[in-house]
Amino acid sequence: MSALPIRAADQIVVGLGFILLIVIGLLCARRSQTDEGYFLAGRSMPGWVVGFSMMATIVSSMTFLALPAFAFGESNWRNCLAHFTYIPAIAIAIFLFIPFYRRSRVSSAYEYLERRFGLWARLYAAASFVLFQFFRAGIVLYAVSLAVQSMLQLEADSLPWIICIAGAIVSIYTIVGGLQAVIWTDVLQGIALIVGGFICLPIIVMQLPGGFGQLLQVAAQDDKFNLGSTELTLSGKTVWAYLLAEFVLFMQLLGTDQTNVQRYAAAKSDKAATQAAAFGCLLAVPTWLYFLFLGTCLYVFVKVVPETGLEGLSADQVFPRFILTQVPAGLAGFMLTGLFASAMSTLDSSINAVAATVTIDFYKRLWGRQRDTRHYALVGKMISLLFSIAMISTACAIYYTRSSETLDDLQRTLLSIFSGGLLGLFLLGFLTLRVDGRAALVATIVTAFSVGGWLWVDSALADRFFPSWKVQMPDKLWVGTLANTLLFSVAYGVSWIVVNRHDRPLNGLTIWTTTKQHTATGE
């Protein structure tokens, strides 16, 4: 297959975008010489900037690529309503999570768990986060590199080189500039993502004989706006399964994920942190819905307009190829920058958040106490470098060992394995008084074994020997919902059986013991 080169104007735009990202990293380097500067941007960022960064990180390349592909290839919008659950999740974050993290001035989300349940909880949660990000970053880097390789029609063996180049670019500005560079580059990346998406719709509508009306008519005739099954069942991907799965996922990201907790802490004031969360929500939800609609538009475009060059392509190839062949030169380069940016905003956040977690929750907590702030910043940069190498290696490993499982399914499976019940553990700490560290530990072990057993029953090996078991199991979309419910319920039940033994004060650690005078350290 012959290569489809990027036009000169597009090359210039993409090249300038990459140069700008690296320049931002270098400009932020001077302010990233201490641990607070490197991991928390000096706790000085404006709310709107942090909000843009939160949007860019949670939207990610999976939105830029996966949502249009989903709407193009699927028969309905069954995951549409689920995106609206981000609104109540943000509301809970504003009234529950952000005040706790801001009041305690933590550098890591998992410091809270040690204060509430003990060191085991902190190390378990931190390790789960690091392991998940290790694989997720590799998946995201592989996905965007695969899109680039596909749209340029390059040979398959060129993919490792694309992975290495893209991984190196995002690693340079992240390692050098720290969280401040991550946040400011996320602002540019978020703008490129949104504006790039808006470029496509008028291009499609202008080529349809009946314009926008025909677009809606054809999509409605083919039932593309159907919201999916509302059957009350645990089997199948129903509307209810998507609603609860996405709500739990958003709650987990906003309440337990280090990438967001860092941003809460990076805001210059409590008001700025609240504004950041609200602003990020106002940007993210319409962006998700627009890219879902854009996939439907592409479906109508390919069906109605002859000889687009997009016929016969797989769903995940249509949008990238549309950018190169239908969008004018220069504008296509801007959209390609948005494609790369959507991945980079996820990857740079993962790199810095993992560096913060390993440095603060493992190195500083267990081995390197009483060192100066510059020492911890240097350790963070070294860990960022090592994680970047691991990220690139993981993406290359996926290329050489890729199974038939979709990338989205693989990501959800990994999230179930490494984060099953983590939201429930945090909610136990925030919402209950009687649950102590022992009850929480028992529930965590039970949940981990239950999730492992569920995933084993769903495997090909179990299906060979016990085929009836898999049929009776709920759809894997329910893993996060049921795992967190199980952990919370078991811990609360155990707390009524065993004698409570709170060996640490609860002042400032729960919603029932928080006053303006309390802090999370009990002072």
Protein backbone atom coordinates (compact mmCIF):
# COMPACT_ATOMS: atom_id res chain seq x y z
CA MET A 1 0.00 0.00 0.00
CA SER A 2 1.46 3.34 -1.01
CA ALA A 3 1.97 6.07 1.52
CA LEU A 4 -0.38 9.05 1.61
CA PRO A 5 1.91 11.99 2.50
CA ILE A 6 0.77 14.90 4.64
CA ARG A 7 0.54 18.10 2.62
CA ALA A 8 3.26 20.70 3.16
CA ALA A 9 0.94 23.17 4.89
CA ASP A 10 -0.25 20.47 7.26
CA GLN A 11 3.34 19.46 8.02
CA ILE A 12 4.18 23.06 8.94
CA VAL A 13 1.17 23.39 11.26
CA VAL A 14 1.87 20.08 13.01
CA GLY A 15 5.58 20.89 13.32
CA LEU A 16 4.87 24.32 14.82
CA GLY A 17 2.47 22.70 17.28
CA PHE A 18 5.13 20.28 18.50
CA ILE A 19 7.73 23.03 18.78
CA LEU A 20 5.32 25.15 20.82
CA LEU A 21 4.73 22.30 23.27
CA ILE A 22 8.45 21.84 23.85
CA VAL A 23 8.97 25.62 24.27
CA ILE A 24 6.26 25.70 26.94
CA GLY A 25 8.04 22.88 28.76
CA LEU A 26 11.33 24.77 28.70
CA LEU A 27 9.68 27.98 29.92
CA CYS A 28 8.12 26.15 32.85
CA ALA A 29 11.34 24.36 33.80
CA ARG A 30 12.60 27.18 36.04
CA ARG A 31 9.48 26.96 38.23
CA SER A 32 9.67 23.18 38.55
CA GLN A 33 12.80 22.84 40.67
CA THR A 34 10.99 21.92 43.92
CA ASP A 35 8.57 19.11 44.65
CA GLU A 36 5.55 21.46 44.94
CA GLY A 37 6.59 23.26 41.78
CA TYR A 38 7.11 20.04 39.84
CA PHE A 39 4.10 18.04 41.08
CA LEU A 40 1.59 20.80 41.99
CA ALA A 41 2.59 23.78 39.81
CA GLY A 42 3.32 25.79 42.97
CA ARG A 43 -0.40 25.71 43.94
CA SER A 44 -0.81 28.91 41.89
CA MET A 45 -2.81 28.09 38.72
CA PRO A 46 -5.95 30.06 37.69
CA GLY A 47 -9.23 28.16 37.82
CA TRP A 48 -10.09 28.41 34.11
CA VAL A 49 -6.66 27.08 33.14
CA VAL A 50 -6.99 24.07 35.48
CA GLY A 51 -10.52 23.50 34.15
CA PHE A 52 -9.29 23.39 30.57
CA SER A 53 -6.61 20.93 31.64
CA MET A 54 -9.17 18.69 33.37
CA MET A 55 -11.29 18.68 30.23
CA ALA A 56 -8.39 17.88 27.92
CA THR A 57 -7.23 15.02 30.14
CA ILE A 58 -10.59 13.31 30.62
CA VAL A 59 -11.66 13.76 26.98
CA SER A 60 -8.43 12.19 25.66
CA SER A 61 -7.64 10.57 22.32
CA MET A 62 -10.17 7.84 23.02
CA THR A 63 -12.87 10.52 22.54
CA PHE A 64 -11.28 12.01 19.43
CA LEU A 65 -10.99 8.58 17.81
CA ALA A 66 -13.36 6.20 19.59
CA LEU A 67 -16.58 8.25 19.80
CA PRO A 68 -16.82 9.06 16.06
CA ALA A 69 -15.91 5.44 15.29
CA PHE A 70 -18.54 4.18 17.73
CA ALA A 71 -21.32 6.35 16.26
CA PHE A 72 -20.22 5.54 12.70
CA GLY A 73 -20.16 1.78 13.14
CA GLU A 74 -22.80 1.11 15.81
CA SER A 75 -26.53 1.10 15.18
CA ASN A 76 -27.38 3.61 17.93
CA TRP A 77 -26.21 6.16 20.51
CA ARG A 78 -26.45 3.76 23.43
CA ASN A 79 -23.61 5.45 25.35
CA CYS A 80 -24.91 9.00 24.78
CA LEU A 81 -26.86 9.51 28.01
CA ALA A 82 -24.02 8.08 30.07
CA HIS A 83 -21.90 11.16 29.41
CA PHE A 84 -24.42 13.31 31.28
CA THR A 85 -23.55 11.45 34.50
CA TYR A 86 -20.40 13.59 34.54
CA ILE A 87 -22.61 16.45 35.78
CA PRO A 88 -23.70 14.83 39.10
CA ALA A 89 -20.19 13.39 39.49
CA ILE A 90 -18.71 16.90 39.24
CA ALA A 91 -21.30 18.20 41.73
CA ILE A 92 -20.25 15.51 44.23
CA ALA A 93 -16.59 16.34 43.61
CA ILE A 94 -17.22 20.03 44.32
CA PHE A 95 -19.04 19.39 47.60
CA LEU A 96 -17.16 16.31 48.83
CA PHE A 97 -13.79 15.57 47.26
CA ILE A 98 -12.35 19.02 46.55
CA PRO A 99 -12.97 20.43 50.07
CA PHE A 100 -11.28 17.40 51.67
CA TYR A 101 -8.22 17.51 49.45
CA ARG A 102 -7.87 21.30 49.56
CA ARG A 103 -8.29 21.44 53.35
CA SER A 104 -5.68 18.77 54.01
CA ARG A 105 -3.19 20.23 51.48
CA VAL A 106 -2.19 16.73 50.39
CA SER A 107 0.23 16.20 47.53
CA SER A 108 -1.16 12.74 46.79
CA ALA A 109 -4.73 11.42 46.86
CA TYR A 110 -3.54 8.37 48.75
CA GLU A 111 -2.18 10.25 51.75
CA TYR A 112 -5.79 10.50 52.92
CA LEU A 113 -6.23 6.72 52.96
CA GLU A 114 -3.27 6.25 55.29
CA ARG A 115 -4.67 8.81 57.72
CA ARG A 116 -8.05 7.10 57.63
CA PHE A 117 -7.27 3.35 57.37
CA GLY A 118 -3.52 2.89 57.67
CA LEU A 119 -0.42 2.50 55.50
CA TRP A 120 -1.72 -0.62 53.72
CA ALA A 121 -4.61 1.37 52.18
CA ARG A 122 -2.27 4.07 50.90
CA LEU A 123 0.16 1.63 49.33
CA TYR A 124 -2.62 -0.53 47.84
CA ALA A 125 -4.37 2.43 46.20
CA ALA A 126 -1.12 4.01 45.00
CA ALA A 127 0.12 0.74 43.51
CA SER A 128 -3.24 0.16 41.79
CA PHE A 129 -3.09 3.63 40.24
CA VAL A 130 0.50 3.22 39.02
CA LEU A 131 -0.15 -0.21 37.48
CA PHE A 132 -3.28 0.95 35.69
CA GLN A 133 -1.55 4.07 34.31
CA PHE A 134 1.39 1.91 33.23
CA PHE A 135 -0.85 -0.08 30.88
CA ARG A 136 -3.28 2.73 30.02
CA ALA A 137 -0.55 5.07 28.82
CA GLY A 138 0.77 2.33 26.56
CA ILE A 139 -2.72 1.70 25.16
CA VAL A 140 -3.34 5.40 24.44
CA LEU A 141 0.07 5.85 22.80
CA TYR A 142 -0.50 2.74 20.68
CA ALA A 143 -4.02 3.88 19.68
CA VAL A 144 -2.97 7.31 18.43
CA SER A 145 0.12 5.89 16.68
CA LEU A 146 -2.09 3.30 14.98
CA ALA A 147 -4.39 6.09 13.76
CA VAL A 148 -1.43 8.00 12.33
CA GLN A 149 -0.10 4.89 10.61
CA SER A 150 -3.52 4.07 9.19
CA MET A 151 -4.35 7.51 7.85
CA LEU A 152 -0.93 7.89 6.20
CA GLN A 153 -1.25 4.36 4.78
CA LEU A 154 2.25 3.50 5.98
CA GLU A 155 3.57 -0.02 6.21
CA ALA A 156 2.76 -1.89 9.43
CA ASP A 157 6.42 -2.09 10.46
CA SER A 158 6.56 1.73 10.67
CA LEU A 159 4.31 1.72 13.75
CA PRO A 160 7.11 1.24 16.34
CA TRP A 161 8.89 4.30 14.94
CA ILE A 162 5.72 6.39 15.21
CA ILE A 163 5.29 5.20 18.80
CA CYS A 164 8.85 6.17 19.72
CA ILE A 165 8.68 9.62 18.11
CA ALA A 166 5.30 10.52 19.62
CA GLY A 167 6.31 9.15 23.03
CA ALA A 168 9.58 11.09 23.00
CA ILE A 169 7.88 14.42 22.21
CA VAL A 170 5.34 14.19 25.03
CA SER A 171 8.01 12.97 27.44
CA ILE A 172 10.40 15.87 26.81
CA TYR A 173 8.11 18.74 27.80
CA THR A 174 6.55 16.77 30.66
CA ILE A 175 9.86 15.74 32.24
CA VAL A 176 11.35 19.22 31.89
CA GLY A 177 8.38 21.40 32.83
CA GLY A 178 6.43 19.34 35.37
CA LEU A 179 2.73 19.84 36.12
CA GLN A 180 2.77 23.51 35.12
CA ALA A 181 3.90 22.54 31.62
CA VAL A 182 1.29 19.77 31.56
CA ILE A 183 -1.53 22.16 32.46
CA TRP A 184 -0.56 24.93 30.03
CA THR A 185 0.01 22.51 27.15
CA ASP A 186 -3.34 20.91 27.98
CA VAL A 187 -4.98 24.31 27.40
CA LEU A 188 -3.55 24.49 23.88
CA GLN A 189 -4.34 20.84 23.27
CA GLY A 190 -7.93 21.30 24.45
CA ILE A 191 -8.43 24.27 22.11
CA ALA A 192 -7.00 22.29 19.19
CA LEU A 193 -9.29 19.37 20.02
CA ILE A 194 -12.49 21.46 20.15
CA VAL A 195 -11.76 23.75 17.19
CA GLY A 196 -10.54 20.80 15.13
CA GLY A 197 -13.81 19.00 15.69
CA PHE A 198 -15.89 22.03 14.69
CA ILE A 199 -14.05 22.30 11.38
CA CYS A 200 -15.54 19.02 10.15
CA LEU A 201 -19.29 19.63 10.38
CA PRO A 202 -19.57 22.45 7.77
CA ILE A 203 -17.33 20.49 5.39
CA ILE A 204 -19.71 17.53 5.58
CA VAL A 205 -22.92 19.59 5.36
CA MET A 206 -21.73 21.58 2.32
CA GLN A 207 -21.20 18.37 0.34
CA LEU A 208 -24.61 16.88 1.13
CA PRO A 209 -27.19 17.66 -1.61
CA GLY A 210 -29.89 18.27 0.99
CA GLY A 211 -27.68 20.00 3.53
CA PHE A 212 -28.18 19.66 7.27
CA GLY A 213 -31.78 18.56 6.87
CA GLN A 214 -30.74 15.58 4.80
CA LEU A 215 -28.14 14.69 7.38
CA LEU A 216 -30.76 14.47 10.13
CA GLN A 217 -33.26 12.70 7.86
CA VAL A 218 -30.90 9.92 6.73
CA ALA A 219 -29.56 9.39 10.27
CA ALA A 220 -33.10 9.16 11.65
CA GLN A 221 -34.21 6.76 8.91
CA ASP A 222 -31.31 4.44 9.73
CA ASP A 223 -32.10 4.66 13.47
CA LYS A 224 -28.72 6.20 14.28
CA PHE A 225 -30.17 8.34 17.09
CA ASN A 226 -31.63 5.37 19.00
CA LEU A 227 -30.44 5.52 22.63
CA GLY A 228 -30.32 1.75 23.04
CA SER A 229 -32.09 -0.89 25.07
CA THR A 230 -33.80 0.08 28.33
CA GLU A 231 -34.38 -3.55 29.34
CA LEU A 232 -33.91 -4.18 33.06
CA THR A 233 -31.24 -6.86 32.87
CA LEU A 234 -27.62 -7.34 33.91
CA SER A 235 -26.76 -9.00 30.60
CA GLY A 236 -26.10 -6.93 27.51
CA LYS A 237 -24.96 -3.33 27.09
CA THR A 238 -28.17 -1.56 28.12
CA VAL A 239 -28.70 2.14 28.77
CA TRP A 240 -28.69 1.41 32.51
CA ALA A 241 -25.39 -0.46 32.33
CA TYR A 242 -23.74 2.48 30.55
CA LEU A 243 -25.27 5.04 32.92
CA LEU A 244 -24.06 3.34 36.10
CA ALA A 245 -20.70 2.30 34.64
CA GLU A 246 -19.87 5.81 33.46
CA PHE A 247 -21.10 7.43 36.67
CA VAL A 248 -18.90 5.15 38.79
CA LEU A 249 -15.98 5.71 36.42
CA PHE A 250 -16.37 9.50 36.60
CA MET A 251 -16.67 9.37 40.39
CA GLN A 252 -13.51 7.30 40.57
CA LEU A 253 -11.60 9.64 38.27
CA LEU A 254 -12.73 12.76 40.15
CA GLY A 255 -12.41 11.36 43.66
CA THR A 256 -9.51 8.89 43.66
CA ASP A 257 -7.37 9.58 40.59
CA GLN A 258 -4.09 11.38 41.22
CA THR A 259 -4.27 13.25 37.89
CA ASN A 260 -7.35 15.16 39.09
CA VAL A 261 -6.32 15.50 42.74
CA GLN A 262 -3.10 17.18 41.55
CA ARG A 263 -5.19 19.72 39.67
CA TYR A 264 -7.37 20.44 42.69
CA ALA A 265 -4.19 21.14 44.64
CA ALA A 266 -2.62 23.16 41.81
CA ALA A 267 -5.46 25.73 41.78
CA LYS A 268 -4.49 28.95 43.55
CA SER A 269 -7.53 28.98 45.87
CA ASP A 270 -10.53 26.92 46.96
CA LYS A 271 -12.73 29.06 44.73
CA ALA A 272 -10.42 28.50 41.76
CA ALA A 273 -10.51 24.72 42.32
CA THR A 274 -14.32 24.76 42.34
CA GLN A 275 -14.41 26.93 39.22
CA ALA A 276 -11.97 24.56 37.51
CA ALA A 277 -14.18 21.52 38.11
CA ALA A 278 -17.33 23.33 36.93
CA PHE A 279 -15.62 24.83 33.88
CA GLY A 280 -14.12 21.46 32.93
CA CYS A 281 -17.58 19.90 33.08
CA LEU A 282 -19.11 22.63 30.90
CA LEU A 283 -16.44 21.89 28.28
CA ALA A 284 -16.28 18.10 28.48
CA VAL A 285 -19.95 17.07 28.21
CA PRO A 286 -20.72 19.07 25.01
CA THR A 287 -17.42 17.87 23.52
CA TRP A 288 -18.35 14.22 24.06
CA LEU A 289 -21.80 14.75 22.56
CA TYR A 290 -20.43 16.67 19.58
CA PHE A 291 -17.90 13.98 18.66
CA LEU A 292 -20.61 11.34 18.96
CA PHE A 293 -22.77 13.40 16.57
CA LEU A 294 -19.77 13.84 14.29
CA GLY A 295 -19.53 10.06 13.89
CA THR A 296 -23.16 9.98 12.75
CA CYS A 297 -22.43 12.80 10.31
CA LEU A 298 -19.56 10.78 8.84
CA TYR A 299 -21.92 7.81 8.44
CA VAL A 300 -24.37 9.92 6.41
CA PHE A 301 -21.52 11.51 4.42
CA VAL A 302 -20.08 8.16 3.33
CA LYS A 303 -23.55 6.81 2.49
CA VAL A 304 -24.80 9.81 0.49
CA VAL A 305 -21.74 11.36 -1.16
CA PRO A 306 -20.17 9.18 -3.89
CA GLU A 307 -16.45 8.51 -4.28
CA THR A 308 -15.30 9.93 -0.97
CA GLY A 309 -12.48 7.43 -0.71
CA LEU A 310 -13.83 6.39 2.70
CA GLU A 311 -15.95 3.47 1.50
CA GLY A 312 -14.93 0.07 2.83
CA LEU A 313 -12.76 1.42 5.65
CA SER A 314 -13.18 0.16 9.19
CA ALA A 315 -15.03 2.46 11.60
CA ASP A 316 -11.85 3.59 13.39
CA GLN A 317 -10.14 4.49 10.08
CA VAL A 318 -12.87 6.74 8.67
CA PHE A 319 -12.37 9.90 10.74
CA PRO A 320 -8.55 10.07 10.46
CA ARG A 321 -8.74 9.49 6.70
CA PHE A 322 -11.50 12.10 6.38
CA ILE A 323 -9.16 14.66 7.95
CA LEU A 324 -6.42 14.02 5.39
CA THR A 325 -8.59 13.79 2.29
CA GLN A 326 -11.54 16.13 2.86
CA VAL A 327 -10.28 18.93 5.12
CA PRO A 328 -8.37 21.77 3.34
CA ALA A 329 -4.61 21.94 3.74
CA GLY A 330 -3.54 23.83 6.83
CA LEU A 331 -6.85 23.22 8.57
CA ALA A 332 -6.15 19.50 8.33
CA GLY A 333 -2.81 20.13 10.00
CA PHE A 334 -4.62 21.90 12.82
CA MET A 335 -6.91 18.88 13.19
CA LEU A 336 -3.96 16.50 13.16
CA THR A 337 -2.49 18.61 15.94
CA GLY A 338 -5.78 18.11 17.79
CA LEU A 339 -5.51 14.36 17.25
CA PHE A 340 -1.98 14.25 18.64
CA ALA A 341 -2.89 16.72 21.38
CA SER A 342 -5.81 14.63 22.60
CA ALA A 343 -3.42 11.76 23.23
CA MET A 344 -0.67 13.93 24.68
CA SER A 345 -3.00 15.55 27.23
CA THR A 346 -3.67 12.07 28.60
CA LEU A 347 -0.09 10.88 28.41
CA ASP A 348 1.55 13.94 30.00
CA SER A 349 -0.93 13.77 32.88
CA SER A 350 -0.17 10.08 33.42
CA ILE A 351 3.59 10.65 33.39
CA ASN A 352 3.51 13.46 35.96
CA ALA A 353 0.86 11.82 38.17
CA VAL A 354 2.75 8.53 38.32
CA ALA A 355 5.96 10.39 39.13
CA ALA A 356 4.17 12.22 41.96
CA THR A 357 2.64 8.99 43.31
CA VAL A 358 5.86 6.98 43.26
CA THR A 359 7.89 9.84 44.72
CA ILE A 360 5.44 10.84 47.47
CA ASP A 361 3.68 7.60 48.38
CA PHE A 362 6.61 5.21 48.06
CA TYR A 363 10.00 6.92 47.97
CA LYS A 364 9.33 9.81 50.36
CA ARG A 365 7.03 7.80 52.66
CA LEU A 366 9.15 4.64 52.95
CA TRP A 367 12.77 5.46 52.22
CA GLY A 368 13.69 9.08 51.48
CA ARG A 369 12.39 11.12 54.40
CA GLN A 370 13.78 14.49 55.48
CA ARG A 371 15.27 15.42 52.11
CA ASP A 372 15.09 18.90 50.60
CA THR A 373 12.42 19.86 48.09
CA ARG A 374 14.84 19.95 45.14
CA HIS A 375 15.82 16.35 45.85
CA TYR A 376 12.21 15.16 45.53
CA ALA A 377 11.79 17.15 42.30
CA LEU A 378 14.89 15.46 40.87
CA VAL A 379 13.58 12.02 41.89
CA GLY A 380 10.27 12.89 40.21
CA LYS A 381 12.04 13.76 36.97
CA MET A 382 13.96 10.49 37.04
CA ILE A 383 10.75 8.53 37.60
CA SER A 384 9.08 10.48 34.78
CA LEU A 385 11.90 9.41 32.47
CA LEU A 386 11.64 5.75 33.51
CA PHE A 387 7.86 5.77 33.14
CA SER A 388 8.15 7.33 29.68
CA ILE A 389 10.48 4.54 28.59
CA ALA A 390 8.05 1.98 30.05
CA MET A 391 5.11 3.68 28.28
CA ILE A 392 6.84 3.47 24.89
CA SER A 393 7.87 -0.14 25.55
CA THR A 394 4.30 -1.10 26.51
CA ALA A 395 2.89 0.46 23.34
CA CYS A 396 5.41 -1.47 21.26
CA ALA A 397 4.57 -4.68 23.15
CA ILE A 398 0.87 -4.20 22.33
CA TYR A 399 1.85 -3.89 18.66
CA TYR A 400 3.73 -7.19 18.72
CA THR A 401 1.25 -9.14 20.87
CA ARG A 402 -2.12 -7.51 19.99
CA SER A 403 -5.12 -9.81 20.49
CA SER A 404 -8.56 -9.50 18.93
CA GLU A 405 -9.85 -7.60 21.97
CA THR A 406 -10.68 -3.95 21.27
CA LEU A 407 -8.54 -1.26 22.92
CA ASP A 408 -11.55 0.11 24.80
CA ASP A 409 -12.40 -3.35 26.14
CA LEU A 410 -8.77 -3.89 27.12
CA GLN A 411 -8.70 -0.58 28.98
CA ARG A 412 -11.92 -1.38 30.85
CA THR A 413 -10.59 -4.83 31.80
CA LEU A 414 -7.39 -3.34 33.18
CA LEU A 415 -9.37 -0.72 35.11
CA SER A 416 -11.46 -3.53 36.64
CA ILE A 417 -8.36 -5.44 37.69
CA PHE A 418 -6.33 -2.60 39.16
CA SER A 419 -9.05 -0.25 40.41
CA GLY A 420 -11.94 -2.50 41.36
CA GLY A 421 -13.48 -1.15 44.57
CA LEU A 422 -11.10 1.79 44.96
CA LEU A 423 -13.92 4.33 44.88
CA GLY A 424 -15.76 2.32 47.54
CA LEU A 425 -12.68 2.47 49.77
CA PHE A 426 -12.52 6.27 49.57
CA LEU A 427 -16.27 6.60 50.15
CA LEU A 428 -15.98 4.40 53.24
CA GLY A 429 -13.46 6.85 54.60
CA PHE A 430 -15.47 9.97 53.77
CA LEU A 431 -18.97 8.76 54.66
CA THR A 432 -18.67 6.34 57.61
CA LEU A 433 -17.51 6.61 61.21
CA ARG A 434 -17.61 2.99 62.37
CA VAL A 435 -15.54 1.34 59.58
CA ASP A 436 -11.92 0.98 60.67
CA GLY A 437 -8.82 -0.25 58.86
CA ARG A 438 -9.45 -3.94 59.61
CA ALA A 439 -12.97 -3.95 58.17
CA ALA A 440 -11.77 -2.03 55.12
CA LEU A 441 -8.91 -4.51 54.59
CA VAL A 442 -11.23 -7.53 54.75
CA ALA A 443 -13.61 -5.92 52.24
CA THR A 444 -10.74 -5.01 49.91
CA ILE A 445 -9.45 -8.59 49.87
CA VAL A 446 -12.95 -10.00 49.27
CA THR A 447 -13.53 -7.55 46.42
CA ALA A 448 -10.16 -8.25 44.78
CA PHE A 449 -10.81 -12.01 44.76
CA SER A 450 -14.38 -11.50 43.53
CA VAL A 451 -13.30 -9.32 40.60
CA GLY A 452 -10.53 -11.77 39.75
CA GLY A 453 -13.01 -14.65 39.80
CA TRP A 454 -15.47 -12.74 37.62
CA LEU A 455 -12.83 -11.98 35.00
CA TRP A 456 -11.67 -15.60 35.07
CA VAL A 457 -15.21 -16.88 34.46
CA ASP A 458 -15.38 -14.50 31.48
CA SER A 459 -12.13 -15.87 30.02
CA ALA A 460 -11.79 -18.33 27.14
CA LEU A 461 -10.32 -20.98 29.47
CA ALA A 462 -13.30 -20.95 31.80
CA ASP A 463 -15.68 -20.86 28.84
CA ARG A 464 -14.20 -24.12 27.59
CA PHE A 465 -14.81 -26.04 30.83
CA PHE A 466 -17.76 -24.17 32.35
CA PRO A 467 -19.66 -22.58 29.43
CA SER A 468 -22.88 -22.14 31.42
CA TRP A 469 -21.15 -19.93 34.02
CA LYS A 470 -20.26 -17.21 31.53
CA VAL A 471 -23.84 -17.02 30.24
CA GLN A 472 -25.12 -16.38 33.75
CA MET A 473 -22.62 -13.62 34.55
CA PRO A 474 -23.52 -9.92 34.15
CA ASP A 475 -21.94 -7.95 31.33
CA LYS A 476 -18.44 -6.68 32.14
CA LEU A 477 -19.77 -3.11 32.06
CA TRP A 478 -21.13 -3.86 35.54
CA VAL A 479 -17.72 -4.73 37.06
CA GLY A 480 -16.97 -1.24 38.41
CA THR A 481 -20.49 -0.67 39.74
CA LEU A 482 -20.78 -4.01 41.51
CA ALA A 483 -17.17 -4.10 42.77
CA ASN A 484 -17.47 -0.76 44.54
CA THR A 485 -20.89 -1.66 45.94
CA LEU A 486 -19.51 -4.98 47.21
CA LEU A 487 -16.51 -3.39 48.94
CA PHE A 488 -18.61 -0.74 50.66
CA SER A 489 -21.26 -3.25 51.77
CA VAL A 490 -18.81 -5.89 53.05
CA ALA A 491 -16.75 -3.35 54.99
CA TYR A 492 -19.81 -1.84 56.63
CA GLY A 493 -21.16 -5.30 57.46
CA VAL A 494 -17.85 -6.45 58.97
CA SER A 495 -17.71 -3.28 61.08
CA TRP A 496 -20.83 -4.50 62.91
CA ILE A 497 -19.31 -7.92 63.58
CA VAL A 498 -15.81 -7.03 64.83
CA VAL A 499 -15.07 -4.54 67.58
CA ASN A 500 -14.16 -1.14 66.14
CA ARG A 501 -10.59 -0.15 66.86
CA HIS A 502 -9.86 3.32 65.55
CA ASP A 503 -6.21 3.86 66.39
CA ARG A 504 -6.14 7.30 64.76
CA PRO A 505 -8.32 10.39 65.31
CA LEU A 506 -11.14 10.96 62.83
CA ASN A 507 -11.21 14.74 63.16
CA GLY A 508 -11.36 16.19 59.67
CA LEU A 509 -11.40 12.77 57.99
CA THR A 510 -15.15 12.22 57.49
CA ILE A 511 -18.08 14.43 56.61
CA TRP A 512 -19.36 13.92 60.18
CA THR A 513 -16.14 15.10 61.87
CA THR A 514 -15.24 18.08 59.72
CA THR A 515 -15.39 21.65 60.95
CA LYS A 516 -13.69 24.80 59.79
CA GLN A 517 -11.12 24.33 62.54
CA HIS A 518 -10.29 20.73 61.68
CA THR A 519 -7.74 19.57 59.17
CA ALA A 520 -7.18 16.11 57.78
CA THR A 521 -4.32 15.64 60.22
CA GLY A 522 -6.63 16.04 63.18
CA GLU A 523 -5.24 19.39 64.27
